[in-house]
Amino acid sequence: MFRTTLPTAALALSIALLSATPIAAETFRWAGTTDPQTMDPHAVNAAPVLSFLNNVYEGLVRRGPDMNEEPSLATAWEALPDGAGWRFTLRQGVTFHDGAAFNADDVIFSYQRAASEASDVRSWFASVTDVVRVDDYTVDFLTSAPNPLFPGSIANFLIIDADWAVANGAELPARDAENFATRNANGTGPFVLAARDPGIETRLVPNAGWWDNAAHNVTEAVFTPIGNPATGLAALLSGEIDLISPIPLQDVAQVEGRAGFKVQAGLETRVIVLGFGHDHDTLKYSDETDANPFRDPRVRLAVAQAIDVDTIDRVIMRGAAEPASQLLPAGLSGYSDQHADRPAFDPDGAKTLLAEAGFADGFSFGLMCPNDRYINDEAVCRAVASMLARVGIDAKVNAMPVRGYWDELRAGNFDMYLLGWSPGTFDAEHPIRFLAHSRTERLGTWNFGGYSSARIDALLAPIQQEIDPNARQAMLDEAAGILQDDVAYVPLYTEPLIWAMKDSVNVVQRPDNFFMLRWVSVN
C-alpha cells in the first residue's frame, strides 16, 4: 500500500544485515541538520524528535524495516466486540532503563499524559474515550467508534515510566518550557540516554537489558546537529562522523566519487506544501492591502498556477523530488488516483485569476519558511517568491531555524508558510486528521491556517471506521477533490531521502526518514 524508498535488493540486504553476527564496533557518530528539541516523547509531534526518541523509548506497536506493524511492548492486539476498541496484551519481563518493571500502569499513565492538553500528540487519541486496565499486562483502548487503523496510528506513542515521571515532577509534558523529561529519559528501548547537551551533542549507549535481540554492533552513539551543509559534508569526508542526513543534493556526486564513502537515496513519504492563513482577516505582512486575498480560492489557485514545480525539482532538487498533487505521495494507502494531476504551470492563467479576484495589480505578503528543516527549504521558498513575483505577487521571505518556526506558525505569524508532512499511518486519513479537519482540541492540530470544510469534517469519522476498501476509497476520493477544489494547500513535491556515510556503515533507510540505531552495523 506504500512505496518503499529502497530498491528490493537493497532492502533485502538491509534486512539480512539485521540477522548477521555483530562484529566489534567503535563509537558510531552521526549528524543531521536538526537537533531534537526535547527528550520528552509527548511534548513535540515532529519527526526529528520522534525519530530520535524511538531509539530510547518504545511503543506498544512498532514498524519494521518494511514499514509493516510488528509487536513491541505489546505482544498482540485484537479488536474488541462490536468495534468498541482494541485490547493489547503487554510484554512481560520488560524493564525501564532504571530497572523499574513495565506494566499496564505505565501504559495508562502514558496515555493520560500524551492525551492531555499539555501534549502535542493528543490528536493521536481523538477517537479514544477511555483506557482500561484489565490486569497487569492487559489494557483496553476504548474508542467512540470502530477504528481499524488504530494500532498502526499509535506506532509512535512512546511509553514513559509512571513512577519516574511523577518522582521527577514530569507528570505532564512541557512543550513551551522545560521539565525533567526535557533533558532526561527513562525508556525501555535499545539505547539509553547517557548525556544531553542541546544543540551540541547527545550520547546514547546500548541498553544491556533490552528485551529484544540486539542486531546492531554500536558500542556508543553520538549525535551532533550540524546546520551548515558544507560543514557537515566536510565532517563526513574528514572522518569526524560516520553518517550524515541529509547532504546537499549537489554534493551527491562528490561523495559517490570518493573512495570509502557512499550515498543511500530514495523518496521520503513527506510532501512539501504551501499553507495559507485561511482564517486571517488581513495579511500581517503587507504594505498594500488590509484584506486577505488568500481567503479567495481564485487567489490560492493563482499561487498554484504561478509555481513551476518541475523547474524547482530540476534546478533546486536536482531531479530527486517528485511533483505532488495531494497531501500524501502517490502509492500510499488512500491516495486518490482520480486527483493525481496538480494544477498546470500557467502564469497567464494566474494573472487572469488574480484580476478576477480584484487583485490585478497584485499585492505583497509574508512567506514564512524554515531554513534547516527540509532539503533546500529556504532555496525553495525563494524560488517560489521569484515565481510569484512574475504574476505580480510580492512575497517577503522570512526564513528561520526550525527551533522557533513552529511557535511562529502556532501564533499565526504568517500569511503563507512552507510545511512538510509525512503521514504517520501511511494512509490518507492522517493528513486529513491533522491538516484538513477544522481545528479542535484533538483534531486539526497542525492546521495552522485554520482551513475549515464542514464536509471534510463529516468525512473523517467514516473514513476512519469504514472497513470496505471500495467504500472507503470513494470517501477519500471525495475528500481529495474537495481539498483540490478549495486549494486548501498547494502541494509541491515529495521530498527525497539523501543519506551519506562511510562504506563501512550499513543502515536501513525507512521511507519515513526515521533513523534506527538498532539496525546499524559497522564493518
Protein backbone atom coordinates (compact mmCIF):
# COMPACT_ATOMS: atom_id res chain seq x y z
CA MET A 1 0.00 0.00 0.00
CA PHE A 2 3.02 2.24 0.09
CA ARG A 3 6.16 2.71 -1.96
CA THR A 4 9.37 1.80 -0.24
CA THR A 5 12.32 4.08 -0.90
CA LEU A 6 14.81 1.23 -1.08
CA PRO A 7 15.22 -0.95 -4.17
CA THR A 8 14.10 -4.50 -3.42
CA ALA A 9 17.62 -5.90 -3.46
CA ALA A 10 18.91 -3.17 -1.16
CA LEU A 11 16.03 -3.69 1.27
CA ALA A 12 16.67 -7.44 1.32
CA LEU A 13 20.35 -6.79 2.02
CA SER A 14 19.46 -4.37 4.84
CA ILE A 15 17.13 -6.90 6.43
CA ALA A 16 19.74 -9.64 6.07
CA LEU A 17 22.21 -7.46 7.91
CA LEU A 18 19.87 -7.40 10.89
CA SER A 19 20.39 -11.10 11.45
CA ALA A 20 24.13 -11.07 10.73
CA THR A 21 26.53 -11.80 13.55
CA PRO A 22 27.52 -8.45 15.11
CA ILE A 23 31.18 -7.53 14.90
CA ALA A 24 33.16 -5.26 17.13
CA ALA A 25 32.49 -1.57 16.58
CA GLU A 26 33.79 1.67 17.96
CA THR A 27 31.69 4.74 18.70
CA PHE A 28 29.22 5.49 15.91
CA ARG A 29 28.83 9.20 15.15
CA TRP A 30 26.07 10.64 13.03
CA ALA A 31 24.77 14.10 12.24
CA GLY A 32 21.66 15.84 10.99
CA THR A 33 20.60 19.39 10.35
CA THR A 34 18.03 19.48 13.16
CA ASP A 35 18.62 18.76 16.82
CA PRO A 36 15.68 17.04 18.58
CA GLN A 37 14.32 19.91 20.64
CA THR A 38 13.29 17.72 23.58
CA MET A 39 13.73 14.26 25.06
CA ASP A 40 10.08 14.24 26.15
CA PRO A 41 8.18 11.72 23.99
CA HIS A 42 4.85 13.56 24.30
CA ALA A 43 5.92 17.19 24.06
CA VAL A 44 6.56 17.70 20.35
CA ASN A 45 4.92 15.91 17.44
CA ALA A 46 7.79 16.35 14.98
CA ALA A 47 9.83 13.79 13.06
CA PRO A 48 13.28 14.83 14.36
CA VAL A 49 12.06 14.28 17.93
CA LEU A 50 10.11 11.07 17.37
CA SER A 51 12.78 9.55 15.15
CA PHE A 52 15.47 10.12 17.75
CA LEU A 53 13.35 9.02 20.72
CA ASN A 54 12.34 5.77 19.03
CA ASN A 55 15.86 4.67 19.88
CA VAL A 56 15.27 5.33 23.59
CA TYR A 57 11.55 4.79 24.18
CA GLU A 58 9.21 2.20 22.73
CA GLY A 59 5.53 1.94 21.94
CA LEU A 60 3.03 -0.87 22.04
CA VAL A 61 3.45 -1.26 18.29
CA ARG A 62 6.46 -0.50 16.10
CA ARG A 63 7.26 -0.60 12.40
CA GLY A 64 9.85 -2.88 10.87
CA PRO A 65 12.27 -2.20 8.00
CA ASP A 66 9.45 -2.80 5.51
CA MET A 67 7.18 -0.40 7.48
CA ASN A 68 4.81 -3.19 8.47
CA GLU A 69 3.42 -3.12 12.01
CA GLU A 70 5.01 -5.53 14.45
CA PRO A 71 4.83 -6.21 18.21
CA SER A 72 6.89 -4.12 20.59
CA LEU A 73 5.75 -3.53 24.19
CA ALA A 74 2.55 -5.29 23.20
CA THR A 75 2.90 -8.87 22.02
CA ALA A 76 -0.56 -8.96 20.46
CA TRP A 77 -3.69 -6.87 19.90
CA GLU A 78 -7.25 -7.66 18.88
CA ALA A 79 -10.40 -5.72 18.18
CA LEU A 80 -12.98 -5.71 20.96
CA PRO A 81 -16.50 -6.95 20.17
CA ASP A 82 -18.79 -4.55 18.28
CA GLY A 83 -15.89 -2.30 17.38
CA ALA A 84 -15.66 -0.95 20.92
CA GLY A 85 -11.89 -0.57 20.74
CA TRP A 86 -8.71 -2.62 20.96
CA ARG A 87 -7.23 -4.96 23.55
CA PHE A 88 -3.43 -5.01 23.87
CA THR A 89 -1.58 -7.86 25.55
CA LEU A 90 1.59 -6.43 27.08
CA ARG A 91 5.05 -7.93 27.01
CA GLN A 92 6.12 -9.33 30.39
CA GLY A 93 9.60 -9.13 31.86
CA VAL A 94 10.44 -5.73 30.33
CA THR A 95 12.25 -3.15 32.45
CA PHE A 96 12.89 0.54 32.03
CA HIS A 97 16.44 1.82 31.85
CA ASP A 98 16.48 2.46 35.61
CA GLY A 99 15.43 -1.13 36.31
CA ALA A 100 11.75 -0.48 37.08
CA ALA A 101 9.29 -3.06 35.77
CA PHE A 102 6.99 -2.19 32.87
CA ASN A 103 3.28 -2.95 33.21
CA ALA A 104 -0.22 -1.69 32.44
CA ASP A 105 0.07 1.23 34.87
CA ASP A 106 2.79 2.76 32.68
CA VAL A 107 0.62 2.44 29.58
CA ILE A 108 -2.35 4.14 31.24
CA PHE A 109 -0.16 6.89 32.70
CA SER A 110 1.49 7.47 29.33
CA TYR A 111 -1.91 7.66 27.64
CA GLN A 112 -3.19 10.21 30.17
CA ARG A 113 0.00 12.22 29.72
CA ALA A 114 0.01 12.03 25.92
CA ALA A 115 -3.71 12.81 25.64
CA SER A 116 -3.54 15.83 27.96
CA GLU A 117 -3.93 19.43 26.82
CA ALA A 118 -0.23 19.94 27.51
CA SER A 119 0.69 17.30 24.92
CA ASP A 120 1.47 17.91 21.27
CA VAL A 121 0.45 14.35 20.33
CA ARG A 122 -3.04 14.31 21.82
CA SER A 123 -4.67 14.13 18.39
CA TRP A 124 -3.46 10.53 18.12
CA PHE A 125 -6.18 9.70 20.64
CA ALA A 126 -9.09 11.66 19.19
CA SER A 127 -11.21 8.51 18.94
CA VAL A 128 -10.28 7.16 22.39
CA THR A 129 -12.91 7.51 25.11
CA ASP A 130 -11.12 5.61 27.87
CA VAL A 131 -8.22 3.27 28.61
CA VAL A 132 -8.99 0.41 30.98
CA ARG A 133 -6.55 -1.71 32.95
CA VAL A 134 -7.78 -5.28 32.63
CA ASP A 135 -4.84 -6.71 34.57
CA ASP A 136 -1.10 -6.10 34.97
CA TYR A 137 -0.44 -7.00 31.35
CA THR A 138 -3.68 -6.31 29.51
CA VAL A 139 -5.04 -2.90 28.52
CA ASP A 140 -8.18 -1.95 26.59
CA PHE A 141 -8.29 1.21 24.48
CA LEU A 142 -11.98 2.05 24.13
CA THR A 143 -12.97 4.10 21.08
CA SER A 144 -16.06 6.07 20.21
CA ALA A 145 -16.50 4.03 17.02
CA PRO A 146 -14.73 1.17 15.22
CA ASN A 147 -11.22 2.26 14.23
CA PRO A 148 -9.38 -0.38 12.18
CA LEU A 149 -6.33 1.89 11.75
CA PHE A 150 -5.79 2.46 15.46
CA PRO A 151 -2.91 0.04 16.23
CA GLY A 152 -0.78 1.44 13.43
CA SER A 153 -1.75 5.00 14.27
CA ILE A 154 -0.06 4.74 17.69
CA ALA A 155 3.25 3.29 16.50
CA ASN A 156 4.95 6.44 17.82
CA PHE A 157 3.03 6.50 21.11
CA LEU A 158 6.05 6.01 23.35
CA ILE A 159 5.70 4.66 26.87
CA ILE A 160 7.24 6.50 29.81
CA ASP A 161 7.76 5.11 33.33
CA ALA A 162 4.97 6.44 35.52
CA ASP A 163 6.88 6.36 38.81
CA TRP A 164 9.95 8.01 37.28
CA ALA A 165 7.90 10.82 35.75
CA VAL A 166 6.00 11.52 38.97
CA ALA A 167 9.12 11.36 41.15
CA ASN A 168 10.83 13.93 38.92
CA GLY A 169 7.93 16.35 38.50
CA ALA A 170 7.29 15.42 34.87
CA GLU A 171 3.68 14.28 35.18
CA LEU A 172 2.80 16.37 32.12
CA PRO A 173 4.85 17.17 29.02
CA ALA A 174 6.45 20.59 28.78
CA ARG A 175 6.14 21.87 25.21
CA ASP A 176 6.80 25.57 25.74
CA ALA A 177 9.01 25.23 28.80
CA GLU A 178 11.22 22.58 30.39
CA ASN A 179 10.86 19.87 33.00
CA PHE A 180 12.99 16.89 33.99
CA ALA A 181 11.87 14.88 30.94
CA THR A 182 13.06 17.60 28.57
CA ARG A 183 16.73 16.65 29.02
CA ASN A 184 16.46 13.22 30.66
CA ALA A 185 14.85 9.97 29.62
CA ASN A 186 13.82 6.60 31.03
CA GLY A 187 12.51 4.30 28.35
CA THR A 188 12.62 0.60 27.57
CA GLY A 189 14.29 0.95 24.18
CA PRO A 190 17.54 -0.42 22.77
CA PHE A 191 19.56 2.66 23.74
CA VAL A 192 19.96 4.63 26.96
CA LEU A 193 20.38 8.41 27.09
CA ALA A 194 23.87 8.90 28.55
CA ALA A 195 24.41 12.64 28.07
CA ARG A 196 22.47 15.52 26.55
CA ASP A 197 23.87 18.93 25.58
CA PRO A 198 21.08 20.54 23.50
CA GLY A 199 22.26 21.88 20.18
CA ILE A 200 25.75 20.44 20.73
CA GLU A 201 25.79 16.69 21.29
CA THR A 202 23.63 13.82 22.53
CA ARG A 203 25.17 10.49 23.58
CA LEU A 204 23.47 7.12 23.71
CA VAL A 205 24.75 3.75 24.91
CA PRO A 206 23.24 0.30 24.32
CA ASN A 207 20.65 -0.98 26.79
CA ALA A 208 22.24 -4.19 28.09
CA GLY A 209 18.89 -5.32 29.49
CA TRP A 210 16.82 -4.77 26.32
CA TRP A 211 14.14 -7.42 25.88
CA ASP A 212 14.78 -7.85 22.13
CA ASN A 213 17.82 -9.27 20.34
CA ALA A 214 20.34 -6.54 19.53
CA ALA A 215 21.30 -6.80 15.84
CA HIS A 216 23.46 -3.68 15.88
CA ASN A 217 27.11 -3.57 16.89
CA VAL A 218 27.19 0.00 18.17
CA THR A 219 29.01 0.45 21.49
CA GLU A 220 28.23 4.18 21.76
CA ALA A 221 26.24 6.51 19.51
CA VAL A 222 26.85 10.25 19.34
CA PHE A 223 24.50 12.62 17.52
CA THR A 224 25.67 16.11 16.54
CA PRO A 225 23.42 18.69 14.86
CA ILE A 226 25.24 20.43 12.01
CA GLY A 227 23.17 23.15 10.40
CA ASN A 228 25.71 24.24 7.79
CA PRO A 229 25.71 21.73 4.88
CA ALA A 230 29.31 22.44 3.90
CA THR A 231 30.46 21.88 7.47
CA GLY A 232 28.54 18.62 7.68
CA LEU A 233 29.96 17.31 4.42
CA ALA A 234 33.48 18.25 5.50
CA ALA A 235 32.96 16.42 8.81
CA LEU A 236 31.93 13.28 6.94
CA LEU A 237 34.75 13.34 4.39
CA SER A 238 37.34 14.05 7.09
CA GLY A 239 36.17 11.06 9.10
CA GLU A 240 34.84 13.04 12.08
CA ILE A 241 31.39 11.50 11.62
CA ASP A 242 30.24 8.22 10.09
CA LEU A 243 26.90 9.29 8.59
CA ILE A 244 25.02 12.49 7.83
CA SER A 245 21.41 13.04 6.82
CA PRO A 246 20.73 14.76 4.54
CA ILE A 247 23.55 16.05 2.38
CA PRO A 248 23.13 18.79 -0.23
CA LEU A 249 21.91 17.28 -3.48
CA GLN A 250 24.68 19.00 -5.38
CA ASP A 251 27.24 17.09 -3.31
CA VAL A 252 25.98 13.59 -4.07
CA ALA A 253 28.40 13.08 -6.97
CA GLN A 254 31.31 14.28 -4.85
CA VAL A 255 30.56 11.75 -2.11
CA GLU A 256 29.96 8.92 -4.55
CA GLY A 257 33.26 9.74 -6.24
CA ARG A 258 35.28 9.49 -3.04
CA ALA A 259 36.73 6.13 -2.09
CA GLY A 260 35.39 4.88 1.20
CA PHE A 261 32.03 6.67 1.05
CA LYS A 262 28.57 6.00 -0.33
CA VAL A 263 25.13 7.59 -0.68
CA GLN A 264 21.82 5.90 0.09
CA ALA A 265 18.93 7.65 -1.65
CA GLY A 266 15.20 7.32 -2.16
CA LEU A 267 11.94 9.18 -1.69
CA GLU A 268 10.55 10.06 1.71
CA THR A 269 6.83 9.78 2.40
CA ARG A 270 6.86 13.54 3.04
CA VAL A 271 5.06 16.06 0.85
CA ILE A 272 6.22 19.67 0.90
CA VAL A 273 3.26 22.06 0.72
CA LEU A 274 2.41 25.73 0.97
CA GLY A 275 -0.24 26.68 3.51
CA PHE A 276 -2.38 29.82 3.80
CA GLY A 277 -3.84 31.89 6.62
CA HIS A 278 -7.42 30.95 5.75
CA ASP A 279 -8.83 32.39 8.96
CA HIS A 280 -6.80 35.62 8.92
CA ASP A 281 -8.97 38.66 8.23
CA THR A 282 -5.99 40.62 6.94
CA LEU A 283 -2.46 39.99 5.78
CA LYS A 284 0.05 40.51 8.57
CA TYR A 285 2.97 41.43 6.36
CA SER A 286 1.60 43.56 3.52
CA ASP A 287 2.14 47.21 2.69
CA GLU A 288 -0.54 47.25 0.03
CA THR A 289 -3.81 45.86 1.34
CA ASP A 290 -5.72 45.49 4.59
CA ALA A 291 -7.61 42.50 3.20
CA ASN A 292 -6.52 38.87 3.00
CA PRO A 293 -6.51 37.88 -0.69
CA PHE A 294 -5.74 34.26 0.24
CA ARG A 295 -9.28 33.83 1.55
CA ASP A 296 -10.35 33.77 -2.12
CA PRO A 297 -9.82 30.32 -3.70
CA ARG A 298 -9.08 32.01 -7.03
CA VAL A 299 -6.03 33.66 -5.47
CA ARG A 300 -4.91 30.39 -3.96
CA LEU A 301 -5.27 28.70 -7.34
CA ALA A 302 -3.29 31.54 -8.90
CA VAL A 303 -0.48 30.77 -6.49
CA ALA A 304 -0.54 27.13 -7.55
CA GLN A 305 -0.52 28.02 -11.23
CA ALA A 306 2.32 30.52 -10.82
CA ILE A 307 4.73 27.93 -9.37
CA ASP A 308 6.77 25.82 -11.77
CA VAL A 309 7.32 22.70 -9.68
CA ASP A 310 9.16 20.91 -12.47
CA THR A 311 11.78 23.67 -12.52
CA ILE A 312 12.10 23.56 -8.73
CA ASP A 313 12.68 19.83 -8.98
CA ARG A 314 15.19 20.11 -11.82
CA VAL A 315 17.19 23.11 -10.59
CA ILE A 316 16.95 23.06 -6.77
CA MET A 317 16.22 19.41 -6.04
CA ARG A 318 18.46 18.07 -8.85
CA GLY A 319 15.66 15.89 -10.18
CA ALA A 320 15.49 13.91 -6.92
CA ALA A 321 11.99 15.07 -5.88
CA GLU A 322 8.64 14.14 -7.40
CA PRO A 323 5.84 16.65 -8.08
CA ALA A 324 2.84 16.12 -5.77
CA SER A 325 -0.86 16.74 -6.17
CA GLN A 326 -2.13 15.68 -2.74
CA LEU A 327 -1.17 15.81 0.93
CA LEU A 328 0.46 12.38 0.68
CA PRO A 329 2.64 10.75 -2.00
CA ALA A 330 1.34 8.50 -4.74
CA GLY A 331 1.38 4.85 -3.76
CA LEU A 332 0.29 5.22 -0.14
CA SER A 333 -2.97 3.80 1.15
CA GLY A 334 -5.91 6.03 0.27
CA TYR A 335 -4.13 8.05 -2.42
CA SER A 336 -6.69 9.28 -4.95
CA ASP A 337 -5.80 8.29 -8.50
CA GLN A 338 -8.75 10.40 -9.65
CA HIS A 339 -6.93 13.51 -8.45
CA ALA A 340 -3.38 12.69 -9.46
CA ASP A 341 -2.98 15.82 -11.60
CA ARG A 342 -1.73 19.00 -9.96
CA PRO A 343 -2.60 22.47 -11.34
CA ALA A 344 -0.68 23.16 -14.54
CA PHE A 345 2.04 25.79 -14.54
CA ASP A 346 0.17 28.71 -16.13
CA PRO A 347 1.42 32.23 -15.26
CA ASP A 348 -1.05 33.88 -17.65
CA GLY A 349 -3.90 31.94 -16.11
CA ALA A 350 -2.67 33.01 -12.66
CA LYS A 351 -2.78 36.67 -13.69
CA THR A 352 -6.31 36.23 -15.01
CA LEU A 353 -7.44 34.67 -11.74
CA LEU A 354 -5.87 37.49 -9.73
CA ALA A 355 -7.66 40.06 -11.87
CA GLU A 356 -10.98 38.24 -11.44
CA ALA A 357 -10.47 38.28 -7.69
CA GLY A 358 -9.82 42.04 -7.71
CA PHE A 359 -6.03 41.94 -7.43
CA ALA A 360 -4.93 42.74 -10.95
CA ASP A 361 -2.11 44.88 -9.56
CA GLY A 362 -1.01 42.12 -7.18
CA PHE A 363 -0.15 42.55 -3.51
CA SER A 364 2.66 41.90 -1.05
CA PHE A 365 2.65 39.34 1.74
CA GLY A 366 4.92 37.45 4.12
CA LEU A 367 6.12 33.92 3.35
CA MET A 368 7.35 32.04 6.44
CA CYS A 369 9.91 29.33 5.85
CA PRO A 370 12.34 27.18 7.86
CA ASN A 371 15.96 27.19 6.79
CA ASP A 372 17.19 23.99 8.44
CA ARG A 373 14.30 21.52 8.45
CA TYR A 374 13.75 20.27 4.89
CA ILE A 375 16.15 19.80 2.00
CA ASN A 376 16.87 23.21 0.44
CA ASP A 377 13.85 24.65 2.22
CA GLU A 378 14.93 28.30 2.11
CA ALA A 379 16.05 27.99 -1.50
CA VAL A 380 12.65 26.56 -2.41
CA CYS A 381 10.88 29.45 -0.68
CA ARG A 382 12.99 31.99 -2.52
CA ALA A 383 12.31 30.26 -5.83
CA VAL A 384 8.58 30.33 -5.05
CA ALA A 385 8.84 34.05 -4.25
CA SER A 386 10.56 34.69 -7.57
CA MET A 387 7.87 32.83 -9.49
CA LEU A 388 5.06 34.61 -7.67
CA ALA A 389 6.70 37.97 -8.43
CA ARG A 390 6.28 37.25 -12.13
CA VAL A 391 2.49 37.30 -11.73
CA GLY A 392 2.53 40.41 -9.54
CA ILE A 393 2.57 38.90 -6.05
CA ASP A 394 5.46 40.14 -3.90
CA ALA A 395 6.48 37.55 -1.29
CA LYS A 396 8.67 38.76 1.55
CA VAL A 397 10.54 35.63 2.65
CA ASN A 398 11.21 35.24 6.36
CA ALA A 399 13.41 32.15 6.82
CA MET A 400 14.36 30.96 10.30
CA PRO A 401 15.66 27.91 12.18
CA VAL A 402 13.01 25.29 12.86
CA ARG A 403 13.52 25.57 16.62
CA GLY A 404 11.42 28.74 16.61
CA TYR A 405 9.44 28.09 13.43
CA TRP A 406 6.58 26.03 14.87
CA ASP A 407 5.97 28.60 17.59
CA GLU A 408 5.58 31.29 14.93
CA LEU A 409 3.10 29.17 13.00
CA ARG A 410 1.10 28.30 16.11
CA ALA A 411 0.95 32.03 16.92
CA GLY A 412 -0.40 32.75 13.44
CA ASN A 413 2.57 34.91 12.49
CA PHE A 414 2.40 34.25 8.75
CA ASP A 415 0.45 34.97 5.61
CA MET A 416 1.68 31.86 3.80
CA TYR A 417 4.07 29.18 5.04
CA LEU A 418 6.04 26.12 4.00
CA LEU A 419 5.33 22.76 5.64
CA GLY A 420 6.42 19.18 5.09
CA TRP A 421 4.09 16.35 6.12
CA SER A 422 4.73 12.62 6.39
CA PRO A 423 1.64 10.54 7.28
CA GLY A 424 2.42 8.52 10.38
CA THR A 425 -0.15 5.85 9.47
CA PHE A 426 0.93 5.77 5.78
CA ASP A 427 -2.69 6.42 4.96
CA ALA A 428 -4.61 9.40 3.55
CA GLU A 429 -6.65 9.64 6.75
CA HIS A 430 -3.61 11.02 8.57
CA PRO A 431 -3.20 14.39 6.77
CA ILE A 432 -6.98 14.84 6.78
CA ARG A 433 -6.99 14.44 10.55
CA PHE A 434 -4.02 16.73 11.20
CA LEU A 435 -4.01 19.25 8.33
CA ALA A 436 -7.51 19.46 6.87
CA HIS A 437 -10.01 18.94 9.70
CA SER A 438 -11.19 22.12 11.43
CA ARG A 439 -9.11 22.87 14.49
CA THR A 440 -10.38 21.37 17.73
CA GLU A 441 -8.65 20.27 20.91
CA ARG A 442 -7.54 17.00 19.31
CA LEU A 443 -8.13 17.41 15.57
CA GLY A 444 -6.57 19.73 13.03
CA THR A 445 -3.70 20.32 15.41
CA TRP A 446 -1.30 21.15 12.55
CA ASN A 447 -3.91 23.08 10.57
CA PHE A 448 -2.10 26.34 11.31
CA GLY A 449 -4.06 28.36 8.75
CA GLY A 450 -7.49 27.44 10.07
CA TYR A 451 -8.82 25.83 6.89
CA SER A 452 -12.35 24.56 7.52
CA SER A 453 -14.75 22.46 5.47
CA ALA A 454 -17.90 21.01 7.00
CA ARG A 455 -17.83 18.15 4.50
CA ILE A 456 -14.19 17.26 5.24
CA ASP A 457 -15.03 17.27 8.95
CA ALA A 458 -18.00 15.00 8.35
CA LEU A 459 -15.96 12.57 6.23
CA LEU A 460 -13.18 11.97 8.73
CA ALA A 461 -15.03 9.65 11.13
CA PRO A 462 -16.49 7.33 8.45
CA ILE A 463 -13.09 7.24 6.70
CA GLN A 464 -11.55 6.07 9.98
CA GLN A 465 -14.27 3.48 10.57
CA GLU A 466 -15.04 2.05 7.14
CA ILE A 467 -13.74 -1.47 6.53
CA ASP A 468 -14.93 -1.97 2.95
CA PRO A 469 -11.97 -0.75 0.81
CA ASN A 470 -14.08 0.47 -2.12
CA ALA A 471 -16.47 2.46 0.06
CA ARG A 472 -13.57 3.92 1.98
CA GLN A 473 -11.66 4.90 -1.15
CA ALA A 474 -14.75 6.63 -2.52
CA MET A 475 -14.81 8.86 0.57
CA LEU A 476 -11.08 9.53 0.31
CA ASP A 477 -11.52 10.44 -3.37
CA GLU A 478 -14.23 12.89 -2.39
CA ALA A 479 -12.02 14.43 0.29
CA ALA A 480 -9.10 14.78 -2.11
CA GLY A 481 -11.38 16.50 -4.62
CA ILE A 482 -12.65 18.97 -2.02
CA LEU A 483 -9.13 19.86 -0.91
CA GLN A 484 -8.05 20.37 -4.51
CA ASP A 485 -11.13 22.43 -5.44
CA ASP A 486 -10.68 24.60 -2.36
CA VAL A 487 -6.90 24.80 -2.89
CA ALA A 488 -6.68 24.27 0.85
CA TYR A 489 -2.93 23.78 0.38
CA VAL A 490 -0.58 23.88 -2.58
CA PRO A 491 1.28 20.55 -2.67
CA LEU A 492 4.68 20.98 -4.29
CA TYR A 493 6.70 17.76 -4.27
CA THR A 494 7.64 14.62 -2.39
CA GLU A 495 10.96 15.17 -0.62
CA PRO A 496 13.96 12.97 -1.44
CA LEU A 497 15.94 10.95 1.10
CA ILE A 498 19.69 11.53 0.80
CA TRP A 499 21.96 9.91 3.39
CA ALA A 500 25.75 9.87 3.04
CA MET A 501 28.02 7.59 5.03
CA LYS A 502 31.26 5.70 5.17
CA ASP A 503 31.40 2.48 3.17
CA SER A 504 31.78 0.58 6.43
CA VAL A 505 28.35 1.65 7.67
CA ASN A 506 25.21 -0.38 6.93
CA VAL A 507 21.78 1.04 7.73
CA VAL A 508 18.10 0.60 6.92
CA GLN A 509 16.59 3.68 5.29
CA ARG A 510 12.89 3.73 6.12
CA PRO A 511 10.65 5.88 3.92
CA ASP A 512 9.52 7.89 6.96
CA ASN A 513 13.15 9.06 7.41
CA PHE A 514 13.36 7.61 10.93
CA PHE A 515 16.94 6.65 11.79
CA MET A 516 17.01 3.48 13.87
CA LEU A 517 20.27 2.67 15.61
CA ARG A 518 19.14 -0.89 16.27
CA TRP A 519 19.69 -1.58 12.56
CA VAL A 520 23.16 -0.02 12.29
CA SER A 521 26.20 -2.21 11.75
CA VAL A 522 29.75 -1.03 11.19
CA ASN A 523 32.25 -3.28 9.41
